[in-house]
Amino acid sequence: MTKRLQSTNLHKSFGKAFERLEDWAINPWRRYSILLIVLLIGFFLGSSIGMINGTLALMDPVGAFFTVLILEVMVRLRRNWQLGERNSLSLELIDSARIGILYGLLLEGFKLL
């Protein structure tokens, strides 16, 4: 027995939030700015993961496992979404976050050497 969610204004608004973001990002400057923000957030998360694991040195395998898990989920999501849409904002956001995380981890790895 599945329950159907109520169709409230809040539910409708959250359901269409990504569509509104794509409409807002039609302008190239807005699109580049949101991609840059996601890239910098990914960089911050990647450098934070590397810094915390480097400082504590207790949970290196666990941190590496979760980092690889997050990156693999991003790759799988991109592969599934790539079949349907060609130049989608969601694909670009996933790519930008993935590049930011990898770049942050790479720079933290060089700092720890």
N, C-alpha and C. Protein backbone atom coordinates (compact mmCIF):
# COMPACT_ATOMS: atom_id res chain seq x y z
N MET A 1 0.84 -1.17 0.00
CA MET A 1 0.00 0.00 0.00
C MET A 1 0.89 1.24 0.00
N THR A 2 0.89 1.96 -1.08
CA THR A 2 1.70 3.17 -1.18
C THR A 2 0.83 4.39 -0.94
N LYS A 3 1.39 5.33 -0.23
CA LYS A 3 0.67 6.57 0.03
C LYS A 3 1.09 7.61 -1.00
N ARG A 4 0.16 8.33 -1.45
CA ARG A 4 0.45 9.40 -2.39
C ARG A 4 0.69 10.68 -1.60
N LEU A 5 1.72 11.42 -1.99
CA LEU A 5 2.03 12.66 -1.28
C LEU A 5 0.99 13.73 -1.60
N GLN A 6 0.77 14.58 -0.64
CA GLN A 6 -0.17 15.67 -0.87
C GLN A 6 0.41 16.66 -1.87
N SER A 7 -0.42 17.21 -2.68
CA SER A 7 0.02 18.18 -3.68
C SER A 7 -0.11 19.59 -3.10
N THR A 8 0.84 19.95 -2.25
CA THR A 8 0.83 21.28 -1.65
C THR A 8 1.66 22.23 -2.48
N ASN A 9 1.57 23.50 -2.18
CA ASN A 9 2.36 24.50 -2.91
C ASN A 9 3.85 24.29 -2.68
N LEU A 10 4.23 23.91 -1.47
CA LEU A 10 5.63 23.66 -1.18
C LEU A 10 6.15 22.47 -1.98
N HIS A 11 5.36 21.42 -2.06
CA HIS A 11 5.75 20.23 -2.82
C HIS A 11 5.89 20.57 -4.31
N LYS A 12 4.97 21.34 -4.85
CA LYS A 12 5.04 21.76 -6.25
C LYS A 12 6.26 22.65 -6.48
N SER A 13 6.54 23.53 -5.53
CA SER A 13 7.66 24.45 -5.68
C SER A 13 8.99 23.71 -5.68
N PHE A 14 9.16 22.74 -4.76
CA PHE A 14 10.41 21.97 -4.75
C PHE A 14 10.52 21.06 -5.95
N GLY A 15 9.40 20.60 -6.46
CA GLY A 15 9.42 19.74 -7.64
C GLY A 15 9.88 20.46 -8.88
N LYS A 16 9.61 21.75 -8.96
CA LYS A 16 9.99 22.52 -10.14
C LYS A 16 11.22 23.39 -9.91
N ALA A 17 11.92 23.20 -8.82
CA ALA A 17 13.07 24.05 -8.50
C ALA A 17 14.19 23.87 -9.50
N PHE A 18 14.47 22.64 -9.90
CA PHE A 18 15.58 22.43 -10.83
C PHE A 18 15.23 22.94 -12.22
N GLU A 19 13.96 22.83 -12.61
CA GLU A 19 13.54 23.39 -13.89
C GLU A 19 13.71 24.90 -13.89
N ARG A 20 13.36 25.55 -12.78
CA ARG A 20 13.54 27.00 -12.68
C ARG A 20 15.01 27.37 -12.69
N LEU A 21 15.87 26.54 -12.08
CA LEU A 21 17.30 26.81 -12.12
C LEU A 21 17.84 26.69 -13.54
N GLU A 22 17.37 25.70 -14.30
CA GLU A 22 17.80 25.57 -15.69
C GLU A 22 17.32 26.75 -16.53
N ASP A 23 16.10 27.21 -16.28
CA ASP A 23 15.61 28.39 -17.00
C ASP A 23 16.41 29.63 -16.63
N TRP A 24 16.78 29.75 -15.37
CA TRP A 24 17.57 30.89 -14.92
C TRP A 24 18.97 30.85 -15.54
N ALA A 25 19.51 29.65 -15.77
CA ALA A 25 20.88 29.50 -16.25
C ALA A 25 20.96 29.48 -17.77
N ILE A 26 19.93 29.90 -18.46
CA ILE A 26 20.02 29.99 -19.93
C ILE A 26 21.05 31.04 -20.33
N ASN A 27 21.12 32.12 -19.57
CA ASN A 27 22.13 33.14 -19.80
C ASN A 27 23.51 32.53 -19.55
N PRO A 28 24.47 32.66 -20.50
CA PRO A 28 25.78 32.01 -20.32
C PRO A 28 26.55 32.49 -19.08
N TRP A 29 26.43 33.77 -18.73
CA TRP A 29 27.16 34.25 -17.55
C TRP A 29 26.62 33.63 -16.27
N ARG A 30 25.32 33.48 -16.22
CA ARG A 30 24.73 32.84 -15.04
C ARG A 30 25.12 31.37 -14.98
N ARG A 31 25.15 30.72 -16.14
CA ARG A 31 25.52 29.30 -16.20
C ARG A 31 26.96 29.11 -15.73
N TYR A 32 27.85 29.96 -16.23
CA TYR A 32 29.26 29.87 -15.83
C TYR A 32 29.44 30.19 -14.34
N SER A 33 28.66 31.14 -13.84
CA SER A 33 28.81 31.49 -12.43
C SER A 33 28.36 30.34 -11.52
N ILE A 34 27.24 29.68 -11.87
CA ILE A 34 26.78 28.56 -11.03
C ILE A 34 27.74 27.39 -11.13
N LEU A 35 28.32 27.17 -12.32
CA LEU A 35 29.31 26.10 -12.47
C LEU A 35 30.58 26.40 -11.68
N LEU A 36 30.99 27.67 -11.67
CA LEU A 36 32.17 28.05 -10.90
C LEU A 36 31.92 27.90 -9.40
N ILE A 37 30.73 28.26 -8.95
CA ILE A 37 30.39 28.11 -7.53
C ILE A 37 30.42 26.63 -7.13
N VAL A 38 29.87 25.76 -7.97
CA VAL A 38 29.87 24.33 -7.67
C VAL A 38 31.29 23.78 -7.71
N LEU A 39 32.12 24.25 -8.64
CA LEU A 39 33.52 23.83 -8.71
C LEU A 39 34.27 24.22 -7.44
N LEU A 40 34.05 25.43 -6.96
CA LEU A 40 34.73 25.88 -5.74
C LEU A 40 34.22 25.15 -4.50
N ILE A 41 32.93 24.84 -4.46
CA ILE A 41 32.41 24.06 -3.35
C ILE A 41 33.01 22.65 -3.37
N GLY A 42 33.11 22.06 -4.56
CA GLY A 42 33.76 20.75 -4.68
C GLY A 42 35.22 20.80 -4.26
N PHE A 43 35.91 21.87 -4.65
CA PHE A 43 37.31 22.04 -4.25
C PHE A 43 37.42 22.14 -2.73
N PHE A 44 36.52 22.89 -2.12
CA PHE A 44 36.53 23.03 -0.66
C PHE A 44 36.29 21.68 0.01
N LEU A 45 35.31 20.92 -0.49
CA LEU A 45 35.03 19.61 0.09
C LEU A 45 36.21 18.65 -0.10
N GLY A 46 36.82 18.66 -1.29
CA GLY A 46 37.97 17.79 -1.54
C GLY A 46 39.16 18.13 -0.66
N SER A 47 39.43 19.44 -0.51
CA SER A 47 40.56 19.81 0.35
C SER A 47 40.24 19.55 1.82
N SER A 48 38.97 19.68 2.20
CA SER A 48 38.60 19.39 3.59
C SER A 48 38.74 17.91 3.91
N ILE A 49 38.32 17.06 2.98
CA ILE A 49 38.46 15.61 3.19
C ILE A 49 39.93 15.25 3.33
N GLY A 50 40.76 15.79 2.45
CA GLY A 50 42.19 15.48 2.53
C GLY A 50 42.83 16.03 3.79
N MET A 51 42.43 17.21 4.20
CA MET A 51 43.02 17.83 5.38
C MET A 51 42.61 17.07 6.65
N ILE A 52 41.35 16.69 6.74
CA ILE A 52 40.89 15.98 7.94
C ILE A 52 41.55 14.61 8.02
N ASN A 53 41.61 13.89 6.90
CA ASN A 53 42.26 12.58 6.92
C ASN A 53 43.75 12.69 7.18
N GLY A 54 44.39 13.73 6.66
CA GLY A 54 45.82 13.91 6.89
C GLY A 54 46.13 14.29 8.32
N THR A 55 45.26 15.04 8.95
CA THR A 55 45.50 15.47 10.32
C THR A 55 45.23 14.36 11.32
N LEU A 56 44.11 13.68 11.17
CA LEU A 56 43.76 12.64 12.14
C LEU A 56 44.55 11.36 11.94
N ALA A 57 44.75 10.98 10.70
CA ALA A 57 45.49 9.76 10.33
C ALA A 57 44.92 8.51 11.00
N LEU A 58 43.66 8.59 11.40
CA LEU A 58 43.01 7.44 12.01
C LEU A 58 42.05 6.75 11.04
N MET A 59 41.43 7.55 10.19
CA MET A 59 40.37 7.02 9.34
C MET A 59 40.73 7.14 7.87
N ASP A 60 41.98 6.92 7.51
CA ASP A 60 42.38 7.04 6.12
C ASP A 60 41.64 6.07 5.20
N PRO A 61 41.54 4.78 5.55
CA PRO A 61 40.80 3.88 4.65
C PRO A 61 39.32 4.20 4.54
N VAL A 62 38.71 4.62 5.64
CA VAL A 62 37.29 4.96 5.63
C VAL A 62 37.05 6.22 4.80
N GLY A 63 37.89 7.22 4.97
CA GLY A 63 37.77 8.44 4.19
C GLY A 63 38.00 8.20 2.71
N ALA A 64 38.97 7.37 2.39
CA ALA A 64 39.23 7.03 0.99
C ALA A 64 38.06 6.26 0.40
N PHE A 65 37.47 5.36 1.18
CA PHE A 65 36.32 4.59 0.70
C PHE A 65 35.14 5.51 0.38
N PHE A 66 34.82 6.42 1.29
CA PHE A 66 33.69 7.31 1.05
C PHE A 66 33.96 8.28 -0.10
N THR A 67 35.20 8.72 -0.24
CA THR A 67 35.54 9.60 -1.35
C THR A 67 35.39 8.89 -2.69
N VAL A 68 35.91 7.68 -2.77
CA VAL A 68 35.78 6.90 -4.01
C VAL A 68 34.31 6.57 -4.27
N LEU A 69 33.56 6.29 -3.21
CA LEU A 69 32.14 5.99 -3.36
C LEU A 69 31.38 7.19 -3.92
N ILE A 70 31.65 8.37 -3.39
CA ILE A 70 30.99 9.59 -3.89
C ILE A 70 31.34 9.85 -5.34
N LEU A 71 32.61 9.70 -5.69
CA LEU A 71 33.02 9.95 -7.06
C LEU A 71 32.44 8.91 -8.02
N GLU A 72 32.36 7.67 -7.60
CA GLU A 72 31.77 6.64 -8.46
C GLU A 72 30.27 6.86 -8.66
N VAL A 73 29.58 7.30 -7.60
CA VAL A 73 28.16 7.60 -7.74
C VAL A 73 27.97 8.74 -8.73
N MET A 74 28.86 9.74 -8.69
CA MET A 74 28.77 10.85 -9.64
C MET A 74 29.00 10.37 -11.07
N VAL A 75 29.94 9.47 -11.26
CA VAL A 75 30.20 8.94 -12.60
C VAL A 75 28.99 8.14 -13.10
N ARG A 76 28.41 7.32 -12.22
CA ARG A 76 27.25 6.51 -12.63
C ARG A 76 26.04 7.40 -12.95
N LEU A 77 25.83 8.44 -12.14
CA LEU A 77 24.73 9.35 -12.42
C LEU A 77 24.93 10.04 -13.77
N ARG A 78 26.15 10.45 -14.03
CA ARG A 78 26.43 11.13 -15.30
C ARG A 78 26.20 10.19 -16.47
N ARG A 79 26.62 8.96 -16.33
CA ARG A 79 26.45 7.99 -17.41
C ARG A 79 24.98 7.72 -17.69
N ASN A 80 24.16 7.63 -16.64
CA ASN A 80 22.72 7.37 -16.82
C ASN A 80 22.00 8.58 -17.41
N TRP A 81 22.37 9.79 -16.97
CA TRP A 81 21.71 10.99 -17.47
C TRP A 81 22.19 11.39 -18.85
N GLN A 82 23.36 10.94 -19.24
CA GLN A 82 23.91 11.33 -20.53
C GLN A 82 23.11 10.74 -21.68
N LEU A 83 22.46 9.62 -21.47
CA LEU A 83 21.69 8.98 -22.53
C LEU A 83 20.50 9.82 -22.95
N GLY A 84 19.85 10.46 -22.01
CA GLY A 84 18.64 11.21 -22.32
C GLY A 84 18.87 12.63 -22.79
N GLU A 85 19.78 13.33 -22.16
CA GLU A 85 19.96 14.75 -22.44
C GLU A 85 21.38 15.00 -22.93
N ARG A 86 21.52 15.98 -23.77
CA ARG A 86 22.83 16.26 -24.36
C ARG A 86 23.60 17.33 -23.59
N ASN A 87 23.04 18.51 -23.49
CA ASN A 87 23.74 19.62 -22.86
C ASN A 87 22.95 20.10 -21.65
N SER A 88 22.85 19.27 -20.67
CA SER A 88 22.03 19.56 -19.51
C SER A 88 22.85 20.23 -18.42
N LEU A 89 22.18 21.07 -17.67
CA LEU A 89 22.84 21.74 -16.55
C LEU A 89 23.23 20.73 -15.47
N SER A 90 22.42 19.71 -15.28
CA SER A 90 22.72 18.71 -14.25
C SER A 90 24.02 17.96 -14.57
N LEU A 91 24.24 17.64 -15.83
CA LEU A 91 25.50 16.98 -16.21
C LEU A 91 26.69 17.88 -15.95
N GLU A 92 26.54 19.15 -16.31
CA GLU A 92 27.64 20.08 -16.11
C GLU A 92 27.91 20.32 -14.63
N LEU A 93 26.86 20.33 -13.80
CA LEU A 93 27.04 20.51 -12.36
C LEU A 93 27.76 19.31 -11.75
N ILE A 94 27.39 18.11 -12.18
CA ILE A 94 28.06 16.90 -11.67
C ILE A 94 29.52 16.89 -12.09
N ASP A 95 29.79 17.24 -13.34
CA ASP A 95 31.18 17.28 -13.80
C ASP A 95 31.99 18.31 -13.05
N SER A 96 31.40 19.48 -12.83
CA SER A 96 32.10 20.55 -12.13
C SER A 96 32.40 20.16 -10.68
N ALA A 97 31.45 19.54 -10.01
CA ALA A 97 31.67 19.10 -8.63
C ALA A 97 32.74 18.01 -8.57
N ARG A 98 32.70 17.10 -9.52
CA ARG A 98 33.68 16.01 -9.55
C ARG A 98 35.08 16.54 -9.79
N ILE A 99 35.22 17.48 -10.71
CA ILE A 99 36.53 18.07 -10.99
C ILE A 99 37.04 18.83 -9.77
N GLY A 100 36.15 19.56 -9.10
CA GLY A 100 36.55 20.31 -7.91
C GLY A 100 37.01 19.39 -6.78
N ILE A 101 36.30 18.30 -6.55
CA ILE A 101 36.69 17.36 -5.49
C ILE A 101 38.04 16.73 -5.82
N LEU A 102 38.21 16.29 -7.06
CA LEU A 102 39.48 15.67 -7.44
C LEU A 102 40.64 16.65 -7.35
N TYR A 103 40.42 17.88 -7.78
CA TYR A 103 41.48 18.88 -7.72
C TYR A 103 41.85 19.21 -6.28
N GLY A 104 40.84 19.31 -5.41
CA GLY A 104 41.12 19.58 -3.99
C GLY A 104 41.88 18.44 -3.34
N LEU A 105 41.52 17.20 -3.66
CA LEU A 105 42.24 16.04 -3.12
C LEU A 105 43.67 15.99 -3.64
N LEU A 106 43.85 16.31 -4.92
CA LEU A 106 45.18 16.29 -5.50
C LEU A 106 46.10 17.31 -4.84
N LEU A 107 45.61 18.52 -4.65
CA LEU A 107 46.43 19.55 -4.00
C LEU A 107 46.72 19.23 -2.55
N GLU A 108 45.76 18.65 -1.84
CA GLU A 108 46.02 18.25 -0.46
C GLU A 108 47.02 17.12 -0.40
N GLY A 109 46.98 16.22 -1.36
CA GLY A 109 47.97 15.14 -1.41
C GLY A 109 49.37 15.68 -1.60
N PHE A 110 49.51 16.72 -2.44
CA PHE A 110 50.84 17.31 -2.62
C PHE A 110 51.29 18.07 -1.39
N LYS A 111 50.36 18.66 -0.65
CA LYS A 111 50.72 19.36 0.58
C LYS A 111 51.21 18.38 1.64
N LEU A 112 50.61 17.20 1.68
CA LEU A 112 50.96 16.24 2.72
C LEU A 112 52.27 15.51 2.44
N LEU A 113 52.75 15.59 1.20
CA LEU A 113 54.02 14.95 0.89
C LEU A 113 55.10 15.73 1.53
